[in-house]
Amino acid sequence: MLQMSVNRESGGARNSPFAPKTLAQLREGQSGILDRLELPDDVARRLMELGFLPGHVVVPARSAPGGEPRVYRVDGSEVALRRETASRIILRPPSRGAAKASKP
C-alpha cells in the first residue's frame, strides 16, 4: 500500500516575510512572539496560566518520535502541546530587525 503526504500550504506562505504565522509553523529553535490565542475560553485561560500570554517569546523545543506532542518553552516553563492546539496560537509578524537581532 502506498501512502502519500501532501503539503496543502500555498506556495506563497513559505516565501512570505511574515511566515510562520502560528506556533505550529515554527521550527525547532526558532522563536516567536505570541499575539493571540484562537482557542475556546477554558483552553486559552489554562494556557495563559502556563505563560502563553501576548507579547511573550515562545520557542519550540523537542517533540515526540511521532511528531506530537511538541514541547514549547515559554516564560521559563516547558509545555507540551498538540499540533491542533499550536496551530490556533497566532504569532506576531516579525519586525524587520528582529531576525538579525535574535541570532547570537
Protein backbone atom coordinates (compact mmCIF):
# COMPACT_ATOMS: atom_id res chain seq x y z
CA MET A 1 0.00 0.00 0.00
CA LEU A 2 1.28 3.46 -0.93
CA GLN A 3 0.66 6.35 1.39
CA MET A 4 1.12 9.87 0.15
CA SER A 5 1.63 13.05 2.16
CA VAL A 6 0.55 16.33 0.62
CA ASN A 7 1.53 19.79 1.81
CA ARG A 8 -1.62 21.88 1.45
CA GLU A 9 0.02 25.23 2.24
CA SER A 10 0.03 27.76 -0.53
CA GLY A 11 3.46 28.28 -2.03
CA GLY A 12 3.35 31.99 -1.24
CA ALA A 13 3.07 31.40 2.50
CA ARG A 14 6.55 29.87 2.66
CA ASN A 15 8.10 32.91 0.97
CA SER A 16 6.15 35.50 2.94
CA PRO A 17 8.22 37.74 5.21
CA PHE A 18 5.59 37.18 7.90
CA ALA A 19 5.70 33.37 7.89
CA PRO A 20 5.41 31.45 10.18
CA LYS A 21 2.12 32.78 11.48
CA THR A 22 1.17 30.11 14.02
CA LEU A 23 3.09 28.36 16.76
CA ALA A 24 2.79 25.05 14.91
CA GLN A 25 4.71 26.50 11.96
CA LEU A 26 7.82 27.38 13.96
CA ARG A 27 10.79 25.07 13.54
CA GLU A 28 12.81 23.80 16.46
CA GLY A 29 15.00 26.58 17.81
CA GLN A 30 13.10 29.44 16.12
CA SER A 31 11.38 31.91 18.38
CA GLY A 32 8.13 33.75 18.01
CA ILE A 33 6.19 36.38 19.92
CA LEU A 34 2.67 35.42 20.90
CA ASP A 35 -0.08 37.64 19.54
CA ARG A 36 -3.32 35.86 20.42
CA LEU A 37 -4.91 32.52 21.27
CA GLU A 38 -7.77 31.49 18.99
CA LEU A 39 -8.98 28.75 21.32
CA PRO A 40 -12.05 28.07 23.47
CA ASP A 41 -12.05 30.23 26.61
CA ASP A 42 -11.26 27.40 29.03
CA VAL A 43 -8.26 26.19 26.99
CA ALA A 44 -6.97 29.72 26.37
CA ARG A 45 -7.30 30.56 30.07
CA ARG A 46 -5.29 27.47 31.08
CA LEU A 47 -2.55 28.21 28.55
CA MET A 48 -2.35 31.80 29.80
CA GLU A 49 -1.92 30.45 33.33
CA LEU A 50 1.04 28.45 31.99
CA GLY A 51 2.68 31.55 30.47
CA PHE A 52 1.20 31.73 26.96
CA LEU A 53 0.46 35.44 27.13
CA PRO A 54 0.50 38.00 24.30
CA GLY A 55 3.96 39.53 23.99
CA HIS A 56 5.80 36.55 25.47
CA VAL A 57 8.51 34.78 23.49
CA VAL A 58 7.94 31.09 22.78
CA VAL A 59 10.46 28.60 21.38
CA PRO A 60 9.71 25.08 20.11
CA ALA A 61 11.99 22.59 21.84
CA ARG A 62 11.61 18.89 21.14
CA SER A 63 8.84 16.61 20.00
CA ALA A 64 7.82 13.01 20.50
CA PRO A 65 9.09 10.47 17.93
CA GLY A 66 5.81 10.69 16.00
CA GLY A 67 5.98 14.49 15.99
CA GLU A 68 3.24 15.03 18.58
CA PRO A 69 3.01 16.39 21.15
CA ARG A 70 5.68 19.03 20.87
CA VAL A 71 7.34 20.80 23.77
CA TYR A 72 7.43 24.60 23.76
CA ARG A 73 9.46 26.82 26.09
CA VAL A 74 7.63 29.90 27.34
CA ASP A 75 8.13 32.09 30.40
CA GLY A 76 10.67 29.70 31.95
CA SER A 77 8.45 26.63 31.57
CA GLU A 78 8.21 23.76 29.13
CA VAL A 79 4.71 22.86 27.96
CA ALA A 80 3.71 20.06 25.57
CA LEU A 81 1.01 20.90 23.03
CA ARG A 82 -0.64 19.00 20.21
CA ARG A 83 -0.28 20.38 16.69
CA GLU A 84 -4.02 21.15 16.59
CA THR A 85 -3.70 23.44 19.62
CA ALA A 86 -0.42 25.02 18.48
CA SER A 87 -1.96 25.85 15.10
CA ARG A 88 -4.50 28.09 16.84
CA ILE A 89 -1.88 30.14 18.67
CA ILE A 90 -1.13 33.12 16.46
CA LEU A 91 2.27 34.85 16.39
CA ARG A 92 3.04 38.49 15.74
CA PRO A 93 4.65 39.28 12.41
CA PRO A 94 8.39 39.65 12.97
CA SER A 95 9.80 43.15 12.89
CA ARG A 96 12.41 43.84 10.22
CA GLY A 97 15.36 43.88 12.62
CA ALA A 98 14.15 41.08 14.89
CA ALA A 99 15.54 38.20 12.83
CA LYS A 100 19.02 39.69 12.82
CA ALA A 101 18.90 40.70 16.48
CA SER A 102 17.87 37.24 17.70
CA LYS A 103 20.91 35.48 16.25
CA PRO A 104 23.88 35.18 18.63
